[in-house]
């Protein structure tokens, strides 16, 4: 399991919504039963020819005028290590979410 952080210059609700939108474009689906929107979101990617199956858990914290702080944890379903895939996936996911913010 790896962890990653990023600050977003947007309110918590907007950041949460942007992450939900960004997830679909990267093959992630929101695990409704494991999520407590808007502060705690869990996204999953199933096992396929191109994926070992992944889980991305994001905790959002409202920082007031500073925006929103995001802390993400990644894990692989079938792999013992992710060989850096988690960091790349989290970075792409955060970049896409940030691009969707006003």
C-alpha atoms as a PDB file:
ATOM      1  CA  UNK A   1       0.000   0.000   0.000  1.00  0.00           C
ATOM      2  CA  UNK A   2       1.314   3.420  -0.947  1.00  0.00           C
ATOM      3  CA  UNK A   3       0.087   6.862   0.107  1.00  0.00           C
ATOM      4  CA  UNK A   4       0.060  10.154  -1.796  1.00  0.00           C
ATOM      5  CA  UNK A   5      -0.990  13.708  -0.929  1.00  0.00           C
ATOM      6  CA  UNK A   6      -2.080  16.773  -2.834  1.00  0.00           C
ATOM      7  CA  UNK A   7      -3.720  20.109  -2.071  1.00  0.00           C
ATOM      8  CA  UNK A   8      -6.521  21.425  -4.279  1.00  0.00           C
ATOM      9  CA  UNK A   9      -7.464  25.107  -4.468  1.00  0.00           C
ATOM     10  CA  UNK A  10     -11.193  24.398  -4.324  1.00  0.00           C
ATOM     11  CA  UNK A  11     -13.820  23.712  -1.668  1.00  0.00           C
ATOM     12  CA  UNK A  12     -14.303  20.159  -0.447  1.00  0.00           C
ATOM     13  CA  UNK A  13     -17.607  19.556  -2.283  1.00  0.00           C
ATOM     14  CA  UNK A  14     -16.191  20.683  -5.640  1.00  0.00           C
ATOM     15  CA  UNK A  15     -13.045  18.607  -5.164  1.00  0.00           C
ATOM     16  CA  UNK A  16     -15.093  15.527  -4.250  1.00  0.00           C
ATOM     17  CA  UNK A  17     -17.304  15.937  -7.326  1.00  0.00           C
ATOM     18  CA  UNK A  18     -14.272  16.461  -9.595  1.00  0.00           C
ATOM     19  CA  UNK A  19     -12.755  13.229  -8.282  1.00  0.00           C
ATOM     20  CA  UNK A  20     -15.963  11.326  -8.995  1.00  0.00           C
ATOM     21  CA  UNK A  21     -15.942  12.629 -12.567  1.00  0.00           C
ATOM     22  CA  UNK A  22     -12.225  11.940 -13.062  1.00  0.00           C
ATOM     23  CA  UNK A  23     -12.578   8.350 -11.858  1.00  0.00           C
ATOM     24  CA  UNK A  24     -14.775   7.257 -14.762  1.00  0.00           C
ATOM     25  CA  UNK A  25     -12.270   8.461 -17.332  1.00  0.00           C
ATOM     26  CA  UNK A  26      -9.583   6.247 -15.833  1.00  0.00           C
ATOM     27  CA  UNK A  27     -11.628   3.076 -15.470  1.00  0.00           C
ATOM     28  CA  UNK A  28     -12.285   3.479 -11.749  1.00  0.00           C
ATOM     29  CA  UNK A  29     -15.737   2.925 -10.318  1.00  0.00           C
ATOM     30  CA  UNK A  30     -16.943   4.391  -7.033  1.00  0.00           C
ATOM     31  CA  UNK A  31     -17.469   1.729  -4.370  1.00  0.00           C
ATOM     32  CA  UNK A  32     -20.618   3.225  -2.852  1.00  0.00           C
ATOM     33  CA  UNK A  33     -20.688   0.826   0.101  1.00  0.00           C
ATOM     34  CA  UNK A  34     -17.145   1.743   1.130  1.00  0.00           C
ATOM     35  CA  UNK A  35     -17.469   5.500   0.526  1.00  0.00           C
ATOM     36  CA  UNK A  36     -18.784   8.229   2.774  1.00  0.00           C
ATOM     37  CA  UNK A  37     -19.030  11.201   0.432  1.00  0.00           C
ATOM     38  CA  UNK A  38     -17.823  13.879   0.313  1.00  0.00           C
ATOM     39  CA  UNK A  39     -14.915  13.211   2.733  1.00  0.00           C
ATOM     40  CA  UNK A  40     -14.077   9.554   2.081  1.00  0.00           C
ATOM     41  CA  UNK A  41     -14.150   8.024  -1.404  1.00  0.00           C
ATOM     42  CA  UNK A  42     -13.142   4.517  -2.456  1.00  0.00           C
ATOM     43  CA  UNK A  43     -12.604   3.704  -6.126  1.00  0.00           C
ATOM     44  CA  UNK A  44     -11.963   0.250  -7.567  1.00  0.00           C
ATOM     45  CA  UNK A  45     -10.722  -1.131 -10.859  1.00  0.00           C
ATOM     46  CA  UNK A  46     -11.503  -4.744 -11.685  1.00  0.00           C
ATOM     47  CA  UNK A  47      -9.135  -7.460 -12.775  1.00  0.00           C
ATOM     48  CA  UNK A  48      -8.584  -7.616 -16.537  1.00  0.00           C
ATOM     49  CA  UNK A  49      -5.917  -8.341 -19.106  1.00  0.00           C
ATOM     50  CA  UNK A  50      -4.476  -4.858 -18.503  1.00  0.00           C
ATOM     51  CA  UNK A  51      -5.074  -4.549 -14.749  1.00  0.00           C
ATOM     52  CA  UNK A  52      -4.297  -6.587 -11.645  1.00  0.00           C
ATOM     53  CA  UNK A  53      -7.276  -5.008  -9.964  1.00  0.00           C
ATOM     54  CA  UNK A  54      -6.688  -1.867  -7.929  1.00  0.00           C
ATOM     55  CA  UNK A  55      -8.188   0.096  -5.101  1.00  0.00           C
ATOM     56  CA  UNK A  56      -7.772   3.850  -4.592  1.00  0.00           C
ATOM     57  CA  UNK A  57      -9.015   5.288  -1.295  1.00  0.00           C
ATOM     58  CA  UNK A  58      -9.127   9.080  -0.950  1.00  0.00           C
ATOM     59  CA  UNK A  59      -9.674  11.018   2.259  1.00  0.00           C
ATOM     60  CA  UNK A  60     -10.504  14.709   1.797  1.00  0.00           C
ATOM     61  CA  UNK A  61     -10.076  17.361   4.483  1.00  0.00           C
ATOM     62  CA  UNK A  62     -11.498  20.871   4.252  1.00  0.00           C
ATOM     63  CA  UNK A  63      -8.688  23.388   4.797  1.00  0.00           C
ATOM     64  CA  UNK A  64     -10.956  26.466   4.732  1.00  0.00           C
ATOM     65  CA  UNK A  65      -9.465  29.266   2.623  1.00  0.00           C
ATOM     66  CA  UNK A  66      -6.543  26.981   1.732  1.00  0.00           C
ATOM     67  CA  UNK A  67      -8.830  24.641  -0.243  1.00  0.00           C
ATOM     68  CA  UNK A  68      -8.936  20.869   0.220  1.00  0.00           C
ATOM     69  CA  UNK A  69      -6.234  18.426   1.257  1.00  0.00           C
ATOM     70  CA  UNK A  70      -6.389  14.964  -0.333  1.00  0.00           C
ATOM     71  CA  UNK A  71      -4.675  11.858   1.000  1.00  0.00           C
ATOM     72  CA  UNK A  72      -4.834   8.780  -1.238  1.00  0.00           C
ATOM     73  CA  UNK A  73      -3.910   5.160  -0.585  1.00  0.00           C
ATOM     74  CA  UNK A  74      -3.483   2.659  -3.406  1.00  0.00           C
ATOM     75  CA  UNK A  75      -3.374  -1.120  -3.320  1.00  0.00           C
ATOM     76  CA  UNK A  76      -3.343  -3.960  -5.834  1.00  0.00           C
ATOM     77  CA  UNK A  77      -5.761  -6.886  -5.667  1.00  0.00           C
ATOM     78  CA  UNK A  78      -3.453  -9.577  -7.067  1.00  0.00           C
ATOM     79  CA  UNK A  79       0.021  -8.078  -6.788  1.00  0.00           C
ATOM     80  CA  UNK A  80       2.365  -8.118  -3.823  1.00  0.00           C
ATOM     81  CA  UNK A  81       3.877  -4.885  -5.057  1.00  0.00           C
ATOM     82  CA  UNK A  82       2.571  -2.380  -7.568  1.00  0.00           C
ATOM     83  CA  UNK A  83       5.949  -1.554  -9.186  1.00  0.00           C
ATOM     84  CA  UNK A  84       5.129   2.167  -9.045  1.00  0.00           C
ATOM     85  CA  UNK A  85       1.761   1.763 -10.748  1.00  0.00           C
ATOM     86  CA  UNK A  86      -0.042   3.174  -7.697  1.00  0.00           C
ATOM     87  CA  UNK A  87       1.903   6.431  -7.772  1.00  0.00           C
ATOM     88  CA  UNK A  88       1.346   6.871 -11.505  1.00  0.00           C
ATOM     89  CA  UNK A  89      -2.363   6.071 -11.164  1.00  0.00           C
ATOM     90  CA  UNK A  90      -2.804   8.472  -8.236  1.00  0.00           C
ATOM     91  CA  UNK A  91      -0.891  11.245 -10.031  1.00  0.00           C
ATOM     92  CA  UNK A  92      -2.988  10.855 -13.207  1.00  0.00           C
ATOM     93  CA  UNK A  93      -6.170  10.714 -11.150  1.00  0.00           C
ATOM     94  CA  UNK A  94      -5.279  13.849  -9.165  1.00  0.00           C
ATOM     95  CA  UNK A  95      -4.197  15.687 -12.350  1.00  0.00           C
ATOM     96  CA  UNK A  96      -7.512  14.890 -14.050  1.00  0.00           C
ATOM     97  CA  UNK A  97      -9.543  15.938 -10.996  1.00  0.00           C
ATOM     98  CA  UNK A  98      -7.589  19.191 -10.734  1.00  0.00           C
ATOM     99  CA  UNK A  99      -8.230  19.933 -14.431  1.00  0.00           C
ATOM    100  CA  UNK A 100     -11.987  19.587 -13.819  1.00  0.00           C
ATOM    101  CA  UNK A 101     -12.026  22.180 -11.036  1.00  0.00           C
ATOM    102  CA  UNK A 102     -13.141  25.727 -11.819  1.00  0.00           C
END
